[in-house]
Amino acid sequence: MNSRSILASMLLAASALMSSCIAAAAEINLYTTREPALIAPLLEAFTKSTGTKINTIFLKDGLAERVVSEGASSPADILMAVDAGNLVDLVDKSVTQPVESPVLNSAIPEQLRDPKGNWFALSMRARVLYAAKDIDISTFNYEELADPKWKGKVCIRSGQHPYNTALFADYIAHYGAEETEKWLTSVKANLARKAAGGDRDSAKDILGGICDIGIANSYYVGLMRSGKGGEEQVKWGDAIKVILPTFKNGGTQVNISGAAIAKHSPNKAEAVKLLEYLVSDEAQKIYAEANYEYPVKAGVAADPIIASFGELKIDSKPLSEIVSHRKQASELVDKVGFDN
């Protein structure tokens, strides 16, 4: 072999080694307020498929503040959060960057992503009606919660909980603040007990005869009926039927888990690939099976427990618009003394 051939061989070997090192070095830094165990199956599947290492940093609180304090040197690539309001807060604190991805835009309904591409929904939960099985109703509108026929029969958690302020904000988006105040006043008058506890307490209290109906999140029914919440909660889940309520001029109110690309992401290309994977058929199926959440991508089946509720027609109001009414919704909760 002549010297030129030897040199060529060395260059090819060096190039291959460099490519191998680059591939091995591929990684993503994920900051998340979601419990790591809930998303672990998704991340493991992505790493197995791509070889990309994912470093998960769990932050129960202060996600935006952490990224702001790190500044331009922040290692964060993806910021993952529960509740659309938390994602909007990240945008408001200027710690995200817009992404233009045909994959994300085609998989995620328009009202479930930021108009400027700063955040994207990855899974959904619906705000549904829990009802005693002997109650003769098969359809329901959120407006009906104010009907006097339900006086002393409604259970719900604190009106200031994000799950409820999101629903009340959606009501404002449909009807305005004045009508929402009247509605909240009437709903409060129908409560069977103080607005408190958690969503699953509504099912427990329906079983106990304290109330006939309650408003709560869909995925809790999966947790109860599957036994993941314990044997006692199976009884709570089996004591209720679930109805997908809608606004009279809209659909069912949903909230999301979602993510954004961090403003100073050092591994943006890999991070975008992960978000695109999370809306793939494979990942959406994992979301549905692991967490009893609704897939955001059309055509992916929900878990059988969740699918048994019927077809979900999500409300057409954009989450970005609904979130803009959160503060006003919270103020109305206090004004009508909803939690008193």
Protein backbone atom coordinates (compact mmCIF):
# COMPACT_ATOMS: atom_id res chain seq x y z
CA MET A 1 0.00 0.00 0.00
CA ASN A 2 1.49 3.36 -1.00
CA SER A 3 1.66 6.39 1.26
CA ARG A 4 -1.33 8.02 -0.43
CA SER A 5 -3.50 4.97 0.22
CA ILE A 6 -2.32 4.79 3.81
CA LEU A 7 -3.19 8.45 4.34
CA ALA A 8 -6.62 7.96 2.78
CA SER A 9 -7.27 4.97 5.03
CA MET A 10 -6.24 6.95 8.11
CA LEU A 11 -8.52 9.83 7.17
CA LEU A 12 -11.46 7.47 6.64
CA ALA A 13 -10.80 5.82 9.99
CA ALA A 14 -10.55 9.17 11.73
CA SER A 15 -13.77 10.33 10.08
CA ALA A 16 -15.57 7.17 11.17
CA LEU A 17 -14.27 7.55 14.71
CA MET A 18 -15.35 11.18 14.83
CA SER A 19 -18.83 10.30 13.54
CA SER A 20 -19.07 7.55 16.15
CA CYS A 21 -18.09 9.95 18.92
CA ILE A 22 -20.60 12.55 17.75
CA ALA A 23 -23.37 9.95 17.66
CA ALA A 24 -22.42 8.67 21.09
CA ALA A 25 -22.37 12.20 22.46
CA ALA A 26 -25.94 13.01 21.31
CA GLU A 27 -28.02 13.94 24.34
CA ILE A 28 -31.00 16.00 25.47
CA ASN A 29 -31.45 17.83 28.77
CA LEU A 30 -35.09 17.66 29.82
CA TYR A 31 -36.41 19.89 32.59
CA THR A 32 -39.81 18.62 33.70
CA THR A 33 -42.45 19.27 36.34
CA ARG A 34 -44.10 15.98 35.40
CA GLU A 35 -43.21 13.06 37.64
CA PRO A 36 -40.32 11.31 35.84
CA ALA A 37 -41.98 7.89 36.31
CA LEU A 38 -44.92 9.00 34.17
CA ILE A 39 -42.77 9.79 31.16
CA ALA A 40 -39.99 7.23 31.66
CA PRO A 41 -41.48 4.66 29.23
CA LEU A 42 -41.56 7.31 26.49
CA LEU A 43 -38.00 8.48 27.06
CA GLU A 44 -36.69 4.93 27.23
CA ALA A 45 -38.37 4.08 23.93
CA PHE A 46 -36.84 7.16 22.26
CA THR A 47 -33.35 6.39 23.55
CA LYS A 48 -33.65 2.77 22.43
CA SER A 49 -34.67 3.90 18.95
CA THR A 50 -32.17 6.73 18.47
CA GLY A 51 -29.33 6.15 20.92
CA THR A 52 -29.78 9.69 22.22
CA LYS A 53 -29.24 9.99 25.95
CA ILE A 54 -31.84 11.98 27.89
CA ASN A 55 -30.85 13.68 31.14
CA THR A 56 -34.02 14.30 33.14
CA ILE A 57 -34.10 17.06 35.75
CA PHE A 58 -37.30 16.97 37.82
CA LEU A 59 -38.42 20.30 39.27
CA LYS A 60 -41.56 20.20 41.38
CA ASP A 61 -41.70 24.01 41.40
CA GLY A 62 -39.83 26.94 39.96
CA LEU A 63 -39.16 25.65 36.47
CA ALA A 64 -39.21 29.07 34.80
CA GLU A 65 -37.22 30.65 37.63
CA ARG A 66 -34.52 27.96 37.32
CA VAL A 67 -34.11 28.56 33.58
CA VAL A 68 -34.15 32.35 33.99
CA SER A 69 -31.42 32.14 36.64
CA GLU A 70 -29.24 29.98 34.39
CA GLY A 71 -29.47 32.53 31.59
CA ALA A 72 -27.79 31.99 28.24
CA SER A 73 -25.64 29.20 29.71
CA SER A 74 -28.68 27.08 30.62
CA PRO A 75 -28.23 23.46 29.53
CA ALA A 76 -32.00 22.98 29.23
CA ASP A 77 -33.22 21.72 25.85
CA ILE A 78 -36.86 20.86 26.59
CA LEU A 79 -39.18 22.33 29.20
CA MET A 80 -42.06 19.99 30.00
CA ALA A 81 -45.05 20.95 32.15
CA VAL A 82 -48.59 20.01 33.10
CA ASP A 83 -51.35 22.58 32.40
CA ALA A 84 -51.46 25.00 29.49
CA GLY A 85 -51.14 27.91 31.90
CA ASN A 86 -47.71 26.76 32.99
CA LEU A 87 -46.56 26.55 29.38
CA VAL A 88 -47.83 30.07 28.67
CA ASP A 89 -45.99 31.28 31.77
CA LEU A 90 -42.75 29.92 30.28
CA VAL A 91 -43.37 31.96 27.14
CA ASP A 92 -44.19 35.04 29.17
CA LYS A 93 -40.87 34.69 31.01
CA SER A 94 -39.00 34.50 27.69
CA VAL A 95 -37.41 31.10 28.27
CA THR A 96 -38.77 29.38 25.15
CA GLN A 97 -38.18 29.68 21.42
CA PRO A 98 -40.55 29.10 18.49
CA VAL A 99 -40.32 25.90 16.48
CA GLU A 100 -41.57 25.33 12.95
CA SER A 101 -42.24 21.62 12.59
CA PRO A 102 -44.65 20.19 10.01
CA VAL A 103 -44.70 16.97 12.05
CA LEU A 104 -45.91 18.73 15.20
CA ASN A 105 -48.32 21.00 13.35
CA SER A 106 -49.97 18.12 11.52
CA ALA A 107 -50.26 15.87 14.59
CA ILE A 108 -51.52 18.42 17.12
CA PRO A 109 -54.87 20.23 16.73
CA GLU A 110 -54.43 23.96 16.24
CA GLN A 111 -56.19 24.95 19.47
CA LEU A 112 -53.79 22.72 21.46
CA ARG A 113 -50.57 24.48 20.48
CA ASP A 114 -49.15 27.97 20.68
CA PRO A 115 -49.99 30.04 17.58
CA LYS A 116 -46.33 31.06 17.32
CA GLY A 117 -44.93 27.57 17.91
CA ASN A 118 -43.57 28.17 21.41
CA TRP A 119 -45.29 25.18 23.03
CA PHE A 120 -47.14 22.02 22.01
CA ALA A 121 -49.64 19.71 23.69
CA LEU A 122 -48.46 16.11 24.00
CA SER A 123 -51.41 14.55 25.86
CA MET A 124 -54.85 15.61 27.10
CA ARG A 125 -57.20 15.13 30.02
CA ALA A 126 -60.87 16.08 29.85
CA ARG A 127 -62.91 17.81 32.57
CA VAL A 128 -65.77 15.33 32.77
CA LEU A 129 -68.91 14.65 34.76
CA TYR A 130 -68.95 11.91 37.38
CA ALA A 131 -72.55 10.84 38.08
CA ALA A 132 -74.27 8.30 40.29
CA LYS A 133 -75.27 5.31 38.18
CA ASP A 134 -78.96 5.67 39.01
CA ILE A 135 -79.11 9.24 37.71
CA ASP A 136 -81.03 9.28 34.43
CA ILE A 137 -78.74 11.41 32.27
CA SER A 138 -76.69 10.50 29.22
CA THR A 139 -75.65 13.96 28.02
CA PHE A 140 -74.72 17.07 29.95
CA ASN A 141 -73.71 20.68 29.40
CA TYR A 142 -71.38 22.57 31.78
CA GLU A 143 -74.06 25.27 31.89
CA GLU A 144 -76.40 22.78 33.62
CA LEU A 145 -74.23 22.76 36.76
CA ALA A 146 -76.10 25.97 37.67
CA ASP A 147 -79.56 24.39 37.27
CA PRO A 148 -81.49 24.55 40.60
CA LYS A 149 -82.49 20.89 40.15
CA TRP A 150 -78.95 20.02 41.27
CA LYS A 151 -79.18 22.03 44.52
CA GLY A 152 -77.25 20.20 47.24
CA LYS A 153 -76.11 17.53 44.80
CA VAL A 154 -72.83 18.77 43.27
CA CYS A 155 -69.31 17.89 44.46
CA ILE A 156 -66.17 19.63 43.24
CA ARG A 157 -62.67 20.45 44.46
CA SER A 158 -61.49 23.99 45.26
CA GLY A 159 -62.44 26.56 42.66
CA GLN A 160 -58.90 27.93 42.90
CA HIS A 161 -57.34 24.67 41.81
CA PRO A 162 -55.80 25.01 38.31
CA TYR A 163 -58.09 22.24 37.01
CA ASN A 164 -61.11 24.38 37.86
CA THR A 165 -59.76 27.82 37.03
CA ALA A 166 -59.06 26.40 33.57
CA LEU A 167 -62.70 25.31 33.24
CA PHE A 168 -63.97 28.65 34.55
CA ALA A 169 -61.62 30.51 32.20
CA ASP A 170 -63.09 28.52 29.32
CA TYR A 171 -66.55 29.57 30.48
CA ILE A 172 -65.40 33.21 30.35
CA ALA A 173 -64.08 32.62 26.83
CA HIS A 174 -67.55 31.46 25.81
CA TYR A 175 -69.80 33.83 27.75
CA GLY A 176 -67.80 36.66 29.30
CA ALA A 177 -67.06 37.52 32.93
CA GLU A 178 -70.52 38.77 33.90
CA GLU A 179 -72.31 35.59 32.86
CA THR A 180 -69.57 33.46 34.39
CA GLU A 181 -69.99 35.21 37.74
CA LYS A 182 -73.72 34.42 37.69
CA TRP A 183 -73.00 30.83 36.75
CA LEU A 184 -70.40 30.38 39.48
CA THR A 185 -72.79 31.83 42.06
CA SER A 186 -75.45 29.32 41.04
CA VAL A 187 -73.00 26.40 40.97
CA LYS A 188 -71.89 27.30 44.50
CA ALA A 189 -75.54 27.28 45.61
CA ASN A 190 -75.81 23.72 44.28
CA LEU A 191 -72.81 22.32 46.17
CA ALA A 192 -73.43 19.37 48.46
CA ARG A 193 -70.37 20.22 50.52
CA LYS A 194 -67.59 22.76 50.60
CA ALA A 195 -65.50 22.89 47.42
CA ALA A 196 -62.44 20.96 48.60
CA GLY A 197 -60.50 17.72 48.42
CA GLY A 198 -59.35 16.14 45.18
CA ASP A 199 -61.09 14.95 42.04
CA ARG A 200 -61.35 11.36 43.27
CA ASP A 201 -63.19 12.59 46.36
CA SER A 202 -66.13 13.41 44.11
CA ALA A 203 -66.40 9.73 43.15
CA LYS A 204 -65.98 8.66 46.78
CA ASP A 205 -68.68 11.07 47.91
CA ILE A 206 -71.05 9.93 45.16
CA LEU A 207 -70.59 6.37 46.45
CA GLY A 208 -71.25 7.67 49.97
CA GLY A 209 -74.47 9.39 48.94
CA ILE A 210 -73.18 12.89 49.69
CA CYS A 211 -73.69 14.11 46.12
CA ASP A 212 -75.13 12.91 42.81
CA ILE A 213 -72.73 14.52 40.35
CA GLY A 214 -69.22 15.93 40.30
CA ILE A 215 -66.76 17.57 37.94
CA ALA A 216 -63.33 15.92 37.72
CA ASN A 217 -60.57 14.84 35.35
CA SER A 218 -60.99 11.86 33.06
CA TYR A 219 -57.71 10.07 33.82
CA TYR A 220 -58.58 9.59 37.49
CA VAL A 221 -61.27 7.13 36.42
CA GLY A 222 -58.57 5.02 34.79
CA LEU A 223 -56.49 5.13 37.94
CA MET A 224 -59.45 4.16 40.10
CA ARG A 225 -60.99 1.41 37.97
CA SER A 226 -57.66 -0.17 37.06
CA GLY A 227 -56.73 -0.62 40.71
CA LYS A 228 -53.65 1.58 40.44
CA GLY A 229 -55.15 3.81 43.13
CA GLY A 230 -55.73 0.89 45.50
CA GLU A 231 -58.61 -1.52 46.16
CA GLU A 232 -60.80 1.07 47.87
CA GLN A 233 -60.64 3.37 44.86
CA VAL A 234 -61.86 0.58 42.57
CA LYS A 235 -65.16 0.84 44.45
CA TRP A 236 -65.22 4.61 43.91
CA GLY A 237 -64.60 4.24 40.19
CA ASP A 238 -67.20 1.52 39.80
CA ALA A 239 -69.81 3.63 41.62
CA ILE A 240 -69.96 6.26 38.92
CA LYS A 241 -70.76 6.65 35.25
CA VAL A 242 -68.80 9.17 33.24
CA ILE A 243 -70.29 11.66 30.80
CA LEU A 244 -68.33 13.93 28.49
CA PRO A 245 -69.99 17.31 29.07
CA THR A 246 -69.82 20.07 26.50
CA PHE A 247 -70.53 23.76 26.29
CA LYS A 248 -73.80 24.37 24.49
CA ASN A 249 -71.92 26.18 21.75
CA GLY A 250 -68.71 24.16 21.94
CA GLY A 251 -67.06 20.94 23.02
CA THR A 252 -65.54 19.33 26.10
CA GLN A 253 -63.03 21.36 28.09
CA VAL A 254 -59.57 19.79 28.06
CA ASN A 255 -56.24 20.59 29.59
CA ILE A 256 -52.87 19.28 28.56
CA SER A 257 -49.41 18.14 29.33
CA GLY A 258 -46.99 19.69 26.91
CA ALA A 259 -43.52 20.95 26.19
CA ALA A 260 -41.45 23.76 24.71
CA ILE A 261 -37.93 24.09 23.35
CA ALA A 262 -35.77 26.13 25.73
CA LYS A 263 -34.57 29.49 24.46
CA HIS A 264 -30.86 28.62 24.70
CA SER A 265 -31.16 24.89 23.90
CA PRO A 266 -27.66 23.56 23.12
CA ASN A 267 -29.15 20.47 21.43
CA LYS A 268 -32.11 21.93 19.58
CA ALA A 269 -32.16 19.52 16.64
CA GLU A 270 -32.25 16.48 18.94
CA ALA A 271 -34.82 18.16 21.18
CA VAL A 272 -37.17 18.80 18.26
CA LYS A 273 -36.79 15.16 17.22
CA LEU A 274 -37.88 14.09 20.70
CA LEU A 275 -41.00 16.31 20.58
CA GLU A 276 -41.81 14.89 17.14
CA TYR A 277 -41.38 11.37 18.50
CA LEU A 278 -43.76 12.17 21.38
CA VAL A 279 -46.58 12.80 18.90
CA SER A 280 -45.87 9.63 16.90
CA ASP A 281 -48.38 6.78 16.95
CA GLU A 282 -46.03 4.72 19.14
CA ALA A 283 -45.52 7.41 21.77
CA GLN A 284 -49.15 8.50 21.81
CA LYS A 285 -50.15 4.89 22.45
CA ILE A 286 -47.75 4.79 25.40
CA TYR A 287 -49.26 8.00 26.81
CA ALA A 288 -52.72 6.46 26.55
CA GLU A 289 -51.77 3.16 28.18
CA ALA A 290 -49.43 4.40 30.89
CA ASN A 291 -51.29 7.46 32.16
CA TYR A 292 -54.92 7.09 30.98
CA GLU A 293 -54.55 10.34 29.06
CA TYR A 294 -56.14 11.16 25.74
CA PRO A 295 -53.75 11.13 22.77
CA VAL A 296 -53.55 14.49 21.00
CA LYS A 297 -52.99 12.80 17.64
CA ALA A 298 -56.11 11.74 15.78
CA GLY A 299 -56.42 8.04 15.06
CA VAL A 300 -54.58 6.82 18.16
CA ALA A 301 -56.90 4.90 20.47
CA ALA A 302 -57.40 5.87 24.10
CA ASP A 303 -57.15 3.27 26.85
CA PRO A 304 -60.31 1.09 26.87
CA ILE A 305 -61.45 2.56 30.21
CA ILE A 306 -61.22 6.09 28.81
CA ALA A 307 -62.61 5.10 25.41
CA SER A 308 -65.72 3.73 27.14
CA PHE A 309 -66.83 7.32 27.87
CA GLY A 310 -67.59 7.85 24.19
CA GLU A 311 -66.13 10.09 21.52
CA LEU A 312 -64.33 13.16 22.80
CA LYS A 313 -65.12 16.38 20.98
CA ILE A 314 -62.64 18.92 22.32
CA ASP A 315 -63.71 22.51 22.76
CA SER A 316 -62.76 24.73 19.85
CA LYS A 317 -61.58 27.66 21.97
CA PRO A 318 -57.76 27.90 21.70
CA LEU A 319 -55.95 27.09 24.93
CA SER A 320 -53.93 30.29 24.49
CA GLU A 321 -57.19 32.28 24.66
CA ILE A 322 -58.55 30.30 27.60
CA VAL A 323 -55.34 30.80 29.58
CA SER A 324 -55.62 34.56 29.11
CA HIS A 325 -58.75 34.46 31.30
CA ARG A 326 -57.18 32.51 34.20
CA LYS A 327 -56.55 35.52 36.41
CA GLN A 328 -60.08 36.81 35.89
CA ALA A 329 -61.46 33.34 36.66
CA SER A 330 -59.49 33.20 39.91
CA GLU A 331 -60.76 36.62 40.90
CA LEU A 332 -64.35 35.54 40.28
CA VAL A 333 -63.86 32.46 42.46
CA ASP A 334 -62.94 34.76 45.35
CA LYS A 335 -65.63 37.30 44.50
CA VAL A 336 -68.48 34.78 44.75
CA GLY A 337 -66.91 33.05 47.75
CA PHE A 338 -66.88 29.74 45.87
CA ASP A 339 -64.52 28.01 48.31
CA ASN A 340 -66.08 29.44 51.49
